[in-house]
Amino acid sequence: MSICAITMVYRDHWALSQWYDHYARHLGARNLFVLAHGADRALPALCPGANILTLPRDRLDGFDGLRDRVLNGFQAGLGAVYDWVIRTDADELICLDPDVFPSFAALLGAQERDVVFALGLNVTERPDDPPLDKGASALSTRSGAVFSGLYSKAWAVRKGLPLLRHGVGLRRKVLENYPLTLPPGVYLAHLKYANRAALRRSNRHRREIANSGGKGLPGAAWQKPLLAERKFYARFEELPEQPWDSCATDALARIAAEPVRDMGKGVLRAQNIQFDTRTTLPGRIRRF
């Protein structure tokens, strides 16, 4: 089975290094495709052996829509060469429970449908966590987590299906009854909050984009990223702790129960559920 992974990035070097190390280990660097939204001479050294394509950064109007069109077009082309295409943001790692699926090939080879979702969680740097050494995996020292409906995203497709609005684009007649495939033991670890120093650096770029004055730009979370950051960390520390097994079982049941079928936009996605407990990510999953 042939599997590749793609992402699109602009200057988020710490997150990209996490993405590259994770997927290169599982898929091989030659099967990784990095779309640089603007020239960046640092990328070849950060992603040795990967395929790097540079796109112009002349316009930011309609930022999310433009990004989706570019990625879906490229993704469809890769789908003609590879059996499966994995697509995540640079700060998103798909981690598998090895007791359920030992590899991406084992997981994807077992699928009957053409898109797979993951149970999302925000991995968090806590006040007592040690600093991350240069080149260290975030998951080596970051285990605090809270499940997230927003990040329970579609992440792997075949046969040219497009990814849109954290879900998958489908024809309306298909969308009516298409299941949200959310296998147990499959997690999307969102690393935005796992490194406070890197978050402060990337927030400068988010703020520049959101306040650049164009149309169709990202909203409040990018316009005022420091406020969003403070709210997240404060809320996380106030949440009660719940053991992993019961927390994961509850989150999986809630996300899988009633997916959103947006008939107007032709998108199947998970509900944006905000969970009220935090948990600790087990070592076997962090080491995947």
C-alpha atoms as a PDB file:
ATOM      1  CA  MET A   1       0.000   0.000   0.000  1.00  0.00           C
ATOM      2  CA  SER A   2       1.310   3.452  -0.917  1.00  0.00           C
ATOM      3  CA  ILE A   3       0.644   6.342   1.466  1.00  0.00           C
ATOM      4  CA  CYS A   4       1.813   9.954   1.359  1.00  0.00           C
ATOM      5  CA  ALA A   5       1.314  12.986   3.588  1.00  0.00           C
ATOM      6  CA  ILE A   6       0.970  16.663   2.691  1.00  0.00           C
ATOM      7  CA  THR A   7       0.835  19.921   4.595  1.00  0.00           C
ATOM      8  CA  MET A   8       0.918  23.639   3.859  1.00  0.00           C
ATOM      9  CA  VAL A   9       2.977  25.973   6.002  1.00  0.00           C
ATOM     10  CA  TYR A  10       4.351  29.465   6.387  1.00  0.00           C
ATOM     11  CA  ARG A  11       7.275  29.993   8.790  1.00  0.00           C
ATOM     12  CA  ASP A  12       5.923  27.716  11.521  1.00  0.00           C
ATOM     13  CA  HIS A  13       9.268  25.967  11.767  1.00  0.00           C
ATOM     14  CA  TRP A  14       8.832  24.251  15.121  1.00  0.00           C
ATOM     15  CA  ALA A  15       5.496  22.709  14.147  1.00  0.00           C
ATOM     16  CA  LEU A  16       6.817  21.691  10.733  1.00  0.00           C
ATOM     17  CA  SER A  17       9.784  19.933  12.320  1.00  0.00           C
ATOM     18  CA  GLN A  18       7.354  17.949  14.498  1.00  0.00           C
ATOM     19  CA  TRP A  19       5.230  17.081  11.445  1.00  0.00           C
ATOM     20  CA  TYR A  20       8.229  16.045   9.371  1.00  0.00           C
ATOM     21  CA  ASP A  21       9.841  13.864  12.048  1.00  0.00           C
ATOM     22  CA  HIS A  22       6.554  12.080  12.772  1.00  0.00           C
ATOM     23  CA  TYR A  23       5.460  11.307   9.236  1.00  0.00           C
ATOM     24  CA  ALA A  24       8.959  10.658   7.870  1.00  0.00           C
ATOM     25  CA  ARG A  25       9.382   7.979  10.521  1.00  0.00           C
ATOM     26  CA  HIS A  26       6.158   6.251   9.494  1.00  0.00           C
ATOM     27  CA  LEU A  27       6.002   6.900   5.735  1.00  0.00           C
ATOM     28  CA  GLY A  28       9.516   7.802   4.613  1.00  0.00           C
ATOM     29  CA  ALA A  29      10.654  11.328   3.756  1.00  0.00           C
ATOM     30  CA  ARG A  30      10.269  10.815   0.006  1.00  0.00           C
ATOM     31  CA  ASN A  31       6.515  10.385   0.516  1.00  0.00           C
ATOM     32  CA  LEU A  32       6.103  13.751   2.245  1.00  0.00           C
ATOM     33  CA  PHE A  33       4.982  16.895   0.393  1.00  0.00           C
ATOM     34  CA  VAL A  34       5.359  20.352   1.938  1.00  0.00           C
ATOM     35  CA  LEU A  35       3.633  23.293   0.240  1.00  0.00           C
ATOM     36  CA  ALA A  36       5.384  26.463   1.356  1.00  0.00           C
ATOM     37  CA  HIS A  37       3.003  29.430   1.176  1.00  0.00           C
ATOM     38  CA  GLY A  38       5.858  31.831   0.480  1.00  0.00           C
ATOM     39  CA  ALA A  39       9.573  31.342  -0.094  1.00  0.00           C
ATOM     40  CA  ASP A  40      11.476  29.925   2.898  1.00  0.00           C
ATOM     41  CA  ARG A  41      15.123  28.888   2.572  1.00  0.00           C
ATOM     42  CA  ALA A  42      15.023  27.042   5.896  1.00  0.00           C
ATOM     43  CA  LEU A  43      12.700  24.282   4.707  1.00  0.00           C
ATOM     44  CA  PRO A  44      15.162  21.941   2.923  1.00  0.00           C
ATOM     45  CA  ALA A  45      17.222  21.650   6.111  1.00  0.00           C
ATOM     46  CA  LEU A  46      14.105  21.143   8.231  1.00  0.00           C
ATOM     47  CA  CYS A  47      12.665  18.478   5.911  1.00  0.00           C
ATOM     48  CA  PRO A  48      15.565  16.605   4.274  1.00  0.00           C
ATOM     49  CA  GLY A  49      14.420  14.296   1.500  1.00  0.00           C
ATOM     50  CA  ALA A  50      10.861  15.642   1.440  1.00  0.00           C
ATOM     51  CA  ASN A  51       9.256  17.224  -1.614  1.00  0.00           C
ATOM     52  CA  ILE A  52       9.002  21.000  -1.125  1.00  0.00           C
ATOM     53  CA  LEU A  53       6.925  23.187  -3.419  1.00  0.00           C
ATOM     54  CA  THR A  54       6.904  26.966  -3.052  1.00  0.00           C
ATOM     55  CA  LEU A  55       3.730  28.911  -3.785  1.00  0.00           C
ATOM     56  CA  PRO A  56       3.568  32.697  -4.214  1.00  0.00           C
ATOM     57  CA  ARG A  57       2.319  34.773  -1.313  1.00  0.00           C
ATOM     58  CA  ASP A  58       1.079  37.716  -3.361  1.00  0.00           C
ATOM     59  CA  ARG A  59      -2.534  37.601  -2.149  1.00  0.00           C
ATOM     60  CA  LEU A  60      -4.188  36.648   1.123  1.00  0.00           C
ATOM     61  CA  ASP A  61      -7.828  37.529   0.341  1.00  0.00           C
ATOM     62  CA  GLY A  62     -10.061  34.504   0.836  1.00  0.00           C
ATOM     63  CA  PHE A  63      -7.238  32.892   2.804  1.00  0.00           C
ATOM     64  CA  ASP A  64      -8.964  29.668   3.895  1.00  0.00           C
ATOM     65  CA  GLY A  65     -10.803  29.145   0.597  1.00  0.00           C
ATOM     66  CA  LEU A  66      -7.616  29.702  -1.402  1.00  0.00           C
ATOM     67  CA  ARG A  67      -5.740  27.292   0.806  1.00  0.00           C
ATOM     68  CA  ASP A  68      -8.410  24.608   0.411  1.00  0.00           C
ATOM     69  CA  ARG A  69      -8.500  24.952  -3.389  1.00  0.00           C
ATOM     70  CA  VAL A  70      -4.735  24.636  -3.683  1.00  0.00           C
ATOM     71  CA  LEU A  71      -4.465  21.717  -1.292  1.00  0.00           C
ATOM     72  CA  ASN A  72      -7.434  19.818  -2.693  1.00  0.00           C
ATOM     73  CA  GLY A  73      -6.157  20.181  -6.230  1.00  0.00           C
ATOM     74  CA  PHE A  74      -2.724  18.911  -5.293  1.00  0.00           C
ATOM     75  CA  GLN A  75      -4.212  16.221  -3.084  1.00  0.00           C
ATOM     76  CA  ALA A  76      -6.361  14.939  -5.972  1.00  0.00           C
ATOM     77  CA  GLY A  77      -3.270  14.639  -8.137  1.00  0.00           C
ATOM     78  CA  LEU A  78      -1.433  12.672  -5.471  1.00  0.00           C
ATOM     79  CA  GLY A  79      -4.467  10.439  -5.150  1.00  0.00           C
ATOM     80  CA  ALA A  80      -3.857   9.258  -8.696  1.00  0.00           C
ATOM     81  CA  VAL A  81      -0.398   8.021  -7.633  1.00  0.00           C
ATOM     82  CA  TYR A  82      -0.891   6.948  -4.022  1.00  0.00           C
ATOM     83  CA  ASP A  83      -3.530   4.662  -2.504  1.00  0.00           C
ATOM     84  CA  TRP A  84      -4.126   7.087   0.394  1.00  0.00           C
ATOM     85  CA  VAL A  85      -3.278  10.739   0.998  1.00  0.00           C
ATOM     86  CA  ILE A  86      -2.843  11.980   4.579  1.00  0.00           C
ATOM     87  CA  ARG A  87      -3.400  15.713   4.995  1.00  0.00           C
ATOM     88  CA  THR A  88      -3.013  17.637   8.214  1.00  0.00           C
ATOM     89  CA  ASP A  89      -1.865  21.067   9.289  1.00  0.00           C
ATOM     90  CA  ALA A  90       1.782  21.284  10.288  1.00  0.00           C
ATOM     91  CA  ASP A  91       0.849  21.279  13.989  1.00  0.00           C
ATOM     92  CA  GLU A  92      -1.271  18.112  13.750  1.00  0.00           C
ATOM     93  CA  LEU A  93       0.046  14.588  14.246  1.00  0.00           C
ATOM     94  CA  ILE A  94      -2.092  11.507  13.684  1.00  0.00           C
ATOM     95  CA  CYS A  95      -1.207   9.091  16.483  1.00  0.00           C
ATOM     96  CA  LEU A  96      -2.452   5.519  16.661  1.00  0.00           C
ATOM     97  CA  ASP A  97      -2.949   3.302  19.669  1.00  0.00           C
ATOM     98  CA  PRO A  98      -0.573   0.433  18.783  1.00  0.00           C
ATOM     99  CA  ASP A  99      -2.808  -1.978  20.675  1.00  0.00           C
ATOM    100  CA  VAL A 100      -5.477  -1.286  18.028  1.00  0.00           C
ATOM    101  CA  PHE A 101      -3.538  -0.362  14.864  1.00  0.00           C
ATOM    102  CA  PRO A 102       0.247  -0.903  14.702  1.00  0.00           C
ATOM    103  CA  SER A 103       0.719   1.223  11.576  1.00  0.00           C
ATOM    104  CA  PHE A 104      -0.950   3.540   9.094  1.00  0.00           C
ATOM    105  CA  ALA A 105      -0.976   0.717   6.564  1.00  0.00           C
ATOM    106  CA  ALA A 106      -2.845  -1.547   9.008  1.00  0.00           C
ATOM    107  CA  LEU A 107      -5.420   1.160   9.716  1.00  0.00           C
ATOM    108  CA  LEU A 108      -5.987   2.350   6.158  1.00  0.00           C
ATOM    109  CA  GLY A 109      -5.922  -1.160   4.738  1.00  0.00           C
ATOM    110  CA  ALA A 110      -8.899  -2.028   6.943  1.00  0.00           C
ATOM    111  CA  GLN A 111     -11.109   0.803   5.673  1.00  0.00           C
ATOM    112  CA  GLU A 112     -14.121   0.292   3.415  1.00  0.00           C
ATOM    113  CA  ARG A 113     -14.911   4.003   3.017  1.00  0.00           C
ATOM    114  CA  ASP A 114     -12.753   6.590   1.280  1.00  0.00           C
ATOM    115  CA  VAL A 115     -12.202   9.011   4.172  1.00  0.00           C
ATOM    116  CA  VAL A 116     -11.077   8.567   7.775  1.00  0.00           C
ATOM    117  CA  PHE A 117     -11.633  10.897  10.731  1.00  0.00           C
ATOM    118  CA  ALA A 118      -9.636  11.053  13.974  1.00  0.00           C
ATOM    119  CA  LEU A 119     -10.643  11.888  17.526  1.00  0.00           C
ATOM    120  CA  GLY A 120      -9.067  15.296  18.124  1.00  0.00           C
ATOM    121  CA  LEU A 121      -7.298  16.526  21.215  1.00  0.00           C
ATOM    122  CA  ASN A 122      -5.325  19.598  22.189  1.00  0.00           C
ATOM    123  CA  VAL A 123      -1.980  18.591  23.681  1.00  0.00           C
ATOM    124  CA  THR A 124      -0.945  21.206  26.231  1.00  0.00           C
ATOM    125  CA  GLU A 125       2.182  22.590  27.845  1.00  0.00           C
ATOM    126  CA  ARG A 126       1.494  22.798  31.568  1.00  0.00           C
ATOM    127  CA  PRO A 127       3.260  25.130  34.028  1.00  0.00           C
ATOM    128  CA  ASP A 128       5.500  22.353  35.443  1.00  0.00           C
ATOM    129  CA  ASP A 129       6.458  20.815  32.101  1.00  0.00           C
ATOM    130  CA  PRO A 130      10.191  21.019  31.302  1.00  0.00           C
ATOM    131  CA  PRO A 131      11.382  23.108  28.348  1.00  0.00           C
ATOM    132  CA  LEU A 132      11.499  21.277  25.038  1.00  0.00           C
ATOM    133  CA  ASP A 133      15.038  20.536  23.900  1.00  0.00           C
ATOM    134  CA  LYS A 134      15.848  21.510  20.338  1.00  0.00           C
ATOM    135  CA  GLY A 135      14.722  18.709  18.034  1.00  0.00           C
ATOM    136  CA  ALA A 136      12.802  16.883  20.767  1.00  0.00           C
ATOM    137  CA  SER A 137       9.377  15.444  20.086  1.00  0.00           C
ATOM    138  CA  ALA A 138       6.626  17.460  21.751  1.00  0.00           C
ATOM    139  CA  LEU A 139       4.956  14.241  22.829  1.00  0.00           C
ATOM    140  CA  SER A 140       8.086  13.119  24.684  1.00  0.00           C
ATOM    141  CA  THR A 141       7.331  15.568  27.515  1.00  0.00           C
ATOM    142  CA  ARG A 142       3.792  16.865  26.861  1.00  0.00           C
ATOM    143  CA  SER A 143       0.980  14.595  28.060  1.00  0.00           C
ATOM    144  CA  GLY A 144      -1.767  16.933  29.265  1.00  0.00           C
ATOM    145  CA  ALA A 145      -4.677  16.904  26.816  1.00  0.00           C
ATOM    146  CA  VAL A 146      -8.305  17.823  26.329  1.00  0.00           C
ATOM    147  CA  PHE A 147     -10.495  16.287  23.636  1.00  0.00           C
ATOM    148  CA  SER A 148     -11.872  18.562  20.947  1.00  0.00           C
ATOM    149  CA  GLY A 149     -14.751  18.275  18.520  1.00  0.00           C
ATOM    150  CA  LEU A 150     -13.240  21.036  16.380  1.00  0.00           C
ATOM    151  CA  TYR A 151     -10.092  18.998  15.810  1.00  0.00           C
ATOM    152  CA  SER A 152     -11.874  15.681  15.266  1.00  0.00           C
ATOM    153  CA  LYS A 153     -11.060  16.153  11.620  1.00  0.00           C
ATOM    154  CA  ALA A 154     -11.044  14.199   8.386  1.00  0.00           C
ATOM    155  CA  TRP A 155      -7.366  13.496   7.679  1.00  0.00           C
ATOM    156  CA  ALA A 156      -6.948  10.660   5.159  1.00  0.00           C
ATOM    157  CA  VAL A 157      -8.698  10.270   1.804  1.00  0.00           C
ATOM    158  CA  ARG A 158      -8.532   8.337  -1.426  1.00  0.00           C
ATOM    159  CA  LYS A 159     -10.123   8.620  -4.862  1.00  0.00           C
ATOM    160  CA  GLY A 160      -9.763  12.406  -4.916  1.00  0.00           C
ATOM    161  CA  LEU A 161     -12.234  13.310  -2.159  1.00  0.00           C
ATOM    162  CA  PRO A 162     -11.727  16.948  -1.035  1.00  0.00           C
ATOM    163  CA  LEU A 163     -11.193  18.009   2.564  1.00  0.00           C
ATOM    164  CA  LEU A 164     -13.201  21.075   3.620  1.00  0.00           C
ATOM    165  CA  ARG A 165     -14.024  22.831   6.913  1.00  0.00           C
ATOM    166  CA  HIS A 166     -12.399  20.077   9.010  1.00  0.00           C
ATOM    167  CA  GLY A 167     -14.562  17.533   7.190  1.00  0.00           C
ATOM    168  CA  VAL A 168     -14.942  15.963   3.760  1.00  0.00           C
ATOM    169  CA  GLY A 169     -16.770  17.299   0.703  1.00  0.00           C
ATOM    170  CA  LEU A 170     -19.430  14.957  -0.694  1.00  0.00           C
ATOM    171  CA  ARG A 171     -22.226  15.102  -3.246  1.00  0.00           C
ATOM    172  CA  ARG A 172     -25.563  15.788  -1.553  1.00  0.00           C
ATOM    173  CA  LYS A 173     -27.108  12.421  -2.429  1.00  0.00           C
ATOM    174  CA  VAL A 174     -24.069  10.680  -0.954  1.00  0.00           C
ATOM    175  CA  LEU A 175     -23.871  12.984   2.059  1.00  0.00           C
ATOM    176  CA  GLU A 176     -27.354  12.067   3.310  1.00  0.00           C
ATOM    177  CA  ASN A 177     -26.271   8.605   4.472  1.00  0.00           C
ATOM    178  CA  TYR A 178     -22.472   8.645   4.406  1.00  0.00           C
ATOM    179  CA  PRO A 179     -21.044   7.519   7.768  1.00  0.00           C
ATOM    180  CA  LEU A 180     -18.478   9.447   9.752  1.00  0.00           C
ATOM    181  CA  THR A 181     -15.684   6.859   9.904  1.00  0.00           C
ATOM    182  CA  LEU A 182     -14.045   7.372  13.297  1.00  0.00           C
ATOM    183  CA  PRO A 183     -12.122   4.215  14.226  1.00  0.00           C
ATOM    184  CA  PRO A 184     -11.208   3.682  17.884  1.00  0.00           C
ATOM    185  CA  GLY A 185      -7.541   4.173  18.644  1.00  0.00           C
ATOM    186  CA  VAL A 186      -7.002   6.973  16.095  1.00  0.00           C
ATOM    187  CA  TYR A 187      -6.159  10.427  17.463  1.00  0.00           C
ATOM    188  CA  LEU A 188      -5.286  13.823  16.024  1.00  0.00           C
ATOM    189  CA  ALA A 189      -2.833  15.466  18.418  1.00  0.00           C
ATOM    190  CA  HIS A 190      -3.060  19.222  17.878  1.00  0.00           C
ATOM    191  CA  LEU A 191       0.216  20.785  19.052  1.00  0.00           C
ATOM    192  CA  LYS A 192      -0.672  24.472  18.911  1.00  0.00           C
ATOM    193  CA  TYR A 193      -0.672  24.723  22.719  1.00  0.00           C
ATOM    194  CA  ALA A 194       2.136  22.217  23.359  1.00  0.00           C
ATOM    195  CA  ASN A 195       4.945  24.784  23.077  1.00  0.00           C
ATOM    196  CA  ARG A 196       4.226  28.228  24.517  1.00  0.00           C
ATOM    197  CA  ALA A 197       7.375  29.808  23.093  1.00  0.00           C
ATOM    198  CA  ALA A 198       6.634  28.557  19.569  1.00  0.00           C
ATOM    199  CA  LEU A 199       3.007  29.658  19.912  1.00  0.00           C
ATOM    200  CA  ARG A 200       4.071  33.217  20.679  1.00  0.00           C
ATOM    201  CA  ARG A 201       6.227  33.262  17.543  1.00  0.00           C
ATOM    202  CA  SER A 202       3.536  31.842  15.266  1.00  0.00           C
ATOM    203  CA  ASN A 203       0.904  34.163  16.741  1.00  0.00           C
ATOM    204  CA  ARG A 204       2.746  37.138  15.272  1.00  0.00           C
ATOM    205  CA  HIS A 205       2.204  35.725  11.774  1.00  0.00           C
ATOM    206  CA  ARG A 206      -1.433  34.859  12.501  1.00  0.00           C
ATOM    207  CA  ARG A 207      -2.098  38.396  13.674  1.00  0.00           C
ATOM    208  CA  GLU A 208      -0.422  39.881  10.577  1.00  0.00           C
ATOM    209  CA  ILE A 209      -2.592  37.780   8.252  1.00  0.00           C
ATOM    210  CA  ALA A 210      -5.879  38.358  10.101  1.00  0.00           C
ATOM    211  CA  ASN A 211      -5.333  42.126  10.303  1.00  0.00           C
ATOM    212  CA  SER A 212      -3.956  42.661   6.795  1.00  0.00           C
ATOM    213  CA  GLY A 213      -7.172  44.332   5.608  1.00  0.00           C
ATOM    214  CA  GLY A 214      -8.248  41.870   2.923  1.00  0.00           C
ATOM    215  CA  LYS A 215     -11.504  39.982   2.531  1.00  0.00           C
ATOM    216  CA  GLY A 216     -12.218  36.443   3.679  1.00  0.00           C
ATOM    217  CA  LEU A 217      -9.406  36.368   6.281  1.00  0.00           C
ATOM    218  CA  PRO A 218      -9.302  34.271   9.484  1.00  0.00           C
ATOM    219  CA  GLY A 219     -11.418  35.546  12.367  1.00  0.00           C
ATOM    220  CA  ALA A 220     -11.091  36.538  16.018  1.00  0.00           C
ATOM    221  CA  ALA A 221      -8.778  33.709  17.122  1.00  0.00           C
ATOM    222  CA  TRP A 222      -6.148  35.013  14.672  1.00  0.00           C
ATOM    223  CA  GLN A 223      -6.963  38.708  15.087  1.00  0.00           C
ATOM    224  CA  LYS A 224      -6.419  38.539  18.862  1.00  0.00           C
ATOM    225  CA  PRO A 225      -4.324  35.387  19.338  1.00  0.00           C
ATOM    226  CA  LEU A 226      -2.915  36.377  22.741  1.00  0.00           C
ATOM    227  CA  LEU A 227      -6.412  36.589  24.212  1.00  0.00           C
ATOM    228  CA  ALA A 228      -7.353  33.194  22.756  1.00  0.00           C
ATOM    229  CA  GLU A 229      -4.130  31.714  24.120  1.00  0.00           C
ATOM    230  CA  ARG A 230      -4.719  33.014  27.646  1.00  0.00           C
ATOM    231  CA  LYS A 231      -8.303  31.771  27.685  1.00  0.00           C
ATOM    232  CA  PHE A 232      -7.267  28.287  26.579  1.00  0.00           C
ATOM    233  CA  TYR A 233      -4.537  27.808  29.189  1.00  0.00           C
ATOM    234  CA  ALA A 234      -6.648  29.245  32.014  1.00  0.00           C
ATOM    235  CA  ARG A 235      -9.605  27.020  31.160  1.00  0.00           C
ATOM    236  CA  PHE A 236      -7.414  23.917  30.822  1.00  0.00           C
ATOM    237  CA  GLU A 237      -6.023  24.302  34.345  1.00  0.00           C
ATOM    238  CA  GLU A 238      -9.559  24.656  35.748  1.00  0.00           C
ATOM    239  CA  LEU A 239     -10.845  21.430  34.170  1.00  0.00           C
ATOM    240  CA  PRO A 240     -11.219  18.323  36.338  1.00  0.00           C
ATOM    241  CA  GLU A 241      -8.940  15.388  35.471  1.00  0.00           C
ATOM    242  CA  GLN A 242     -10.446  12.152  34.131  1.00  0.00           C
ATOM    243  CA  PRO A 243      -8.605   8.866  33.426  1.00  0.00           C
ATOM    244  CA  TRP A 244      -7.672   8.326  29.779  1.00  0.00           C
ATOM    245  CA  ASP A 245      -9.757   5.216  29.099  1.00  0.00           C
ATOM    246  CA  SER A 246     -13.067   6.637  30.333  1.00  0.00           C
ATOM    247  CA  CYS A 247     -12.352  10.074  28.842  1.00  0.00           C
ATOM    248  CA  ALA A 248     -11.482   8.665  25.405  1.00  0.00           C
ATOM    249  CA  THR A 249     -14.459   6.302  25.388  1.00  0.00           C
ATOM    250  CA  ASP A 250     -16.853   9.125  26.256  1.00  0.00           C
ATOM    251  CA  ALA A 251     -15.344  11.497  23.675  1.00  0.00           C
ATOM    252  CA  LEU A 252     -15.480   8.885  20.903  1.00  0.00           C
ATOM    253  CA  ALA A 253     -19.143   8.110  21.609  1.00  0.00           C
ATOM    254  CA  ARG A 254     -20.153  11.767  21.641  1.00  0.00           C
ATOM    255  CA  ILE A 255     -18.277  12.730  18.474  1.00  0.00           C
ATOM    256  CA  ALA A 256     -19.463   9.680  16.513  1.00  0.00           C
ATOM    257  CA  ALA A 257     -23.112   9.959  17.618  1.00  0.00           C
ATOM    258  CA  GLU A 258     -24.395  12.890  15.562  1.00  0.00           C
ATOM    259  CA  PRO A 259     -22.098  14.192  12.816  1.00  0.00           C
ATOM    260  CA  VAL A 260     -22.924  17.440  11.075  1.00  0.00           C
ATOM    261  CA  ARG A 261     -24.282  17.036   7.539  1.00  0.00           C
ATOM    262  CA  ASP A 262     -24.041  20.479   5.976  1.00  0.00           C
ATOM    263  CA  MET A 263     -26.238  19.977   2.921  1.00  0.00           C
ATOM    264  CA  GLY A 264     -25.746  23.561   1.750  1.00  0.00           C
ATOM    265  CA  LYS A 265     -21.974  23.268   1.517  1.00  0.00           C
ATOM    266  CA  GLY A 266     -21.864  19.518   0.911  1.00  0.00           C
ATOM    267  CA  VAL A 267     -19.653  18.751   3.914  1.00  0.00           C
ATOM    268  CA  LEU A 268     -19.633  15.941   6.465  1.00  0.00           C
ATOM    269  CA  ARG A 269     -17.829  16.883   9.680  1.00  0.00           C
ATOM    270  CA  ALA A 270     -17.808  16.295  13.419  1.00  0.00           C
ATOM    271  CA  GLN A 271     -19.736  18.436  15.863  1.00  0.00           C
ATOM    272  CA  ASN A 272     -17.712  21.206  17.490  1.00  0.00           C
ATOM    273  CA  ILE A 273     -18.108  19.775  20.977  1.00  0.00           C
ATOM    274  CA  GLN A 274     -16.159  21.423  23.805  1.00  0.00           C
ATOM    275  CA  PHE A 275     -15.264  18.881  26.475  1.00  0.00           C
ATOM    276  CA  ASP A 276     -15.329  19.640  30.199  1.00  0.00           C
ATOM    277  CA  THR A 277     -12.587  17.338  31.469  1.00  0.00           C
ATOM    278  CA  ARG A 278      -8.881  17.023  30.796  1.00  0.00           C
ATOM    279  CA  THR A 279      -6.837  13.836  30.671  1.00  0.00           C
ATOM    280  CA  THR A 280      -3.321  12.421  30.312  1.00  0.00           C
ATOM    281  CA  LEU A 281      -2.215  10.989  26.978  1.00  0.00           C
ATOM    282  CA  PRO A 282      -0.773   7.480  27.518  1.00  0.00           C
ATOM    283  CA  GLY A 283       2.853   6.792  26.740  1.00  0.00           C
ATOM    284  CA  ARG A 284       2.077   4.077  24.165  1.00  0.00           C
ATOM    285  CA  ILE A 285       0.213   6.640  22.026  1.00  0.00           C
ATOM    286  CA  ARG A 286       2.732   9.423  22.579  1.00  0.00           C
ATOM    287  CA  ARG A 287       5.500   7.079  21.402  1.00  0.00           C
ATOM    288  CA  PHE A 288       3.705   6.022  18.191  1.00  0.00           C
END
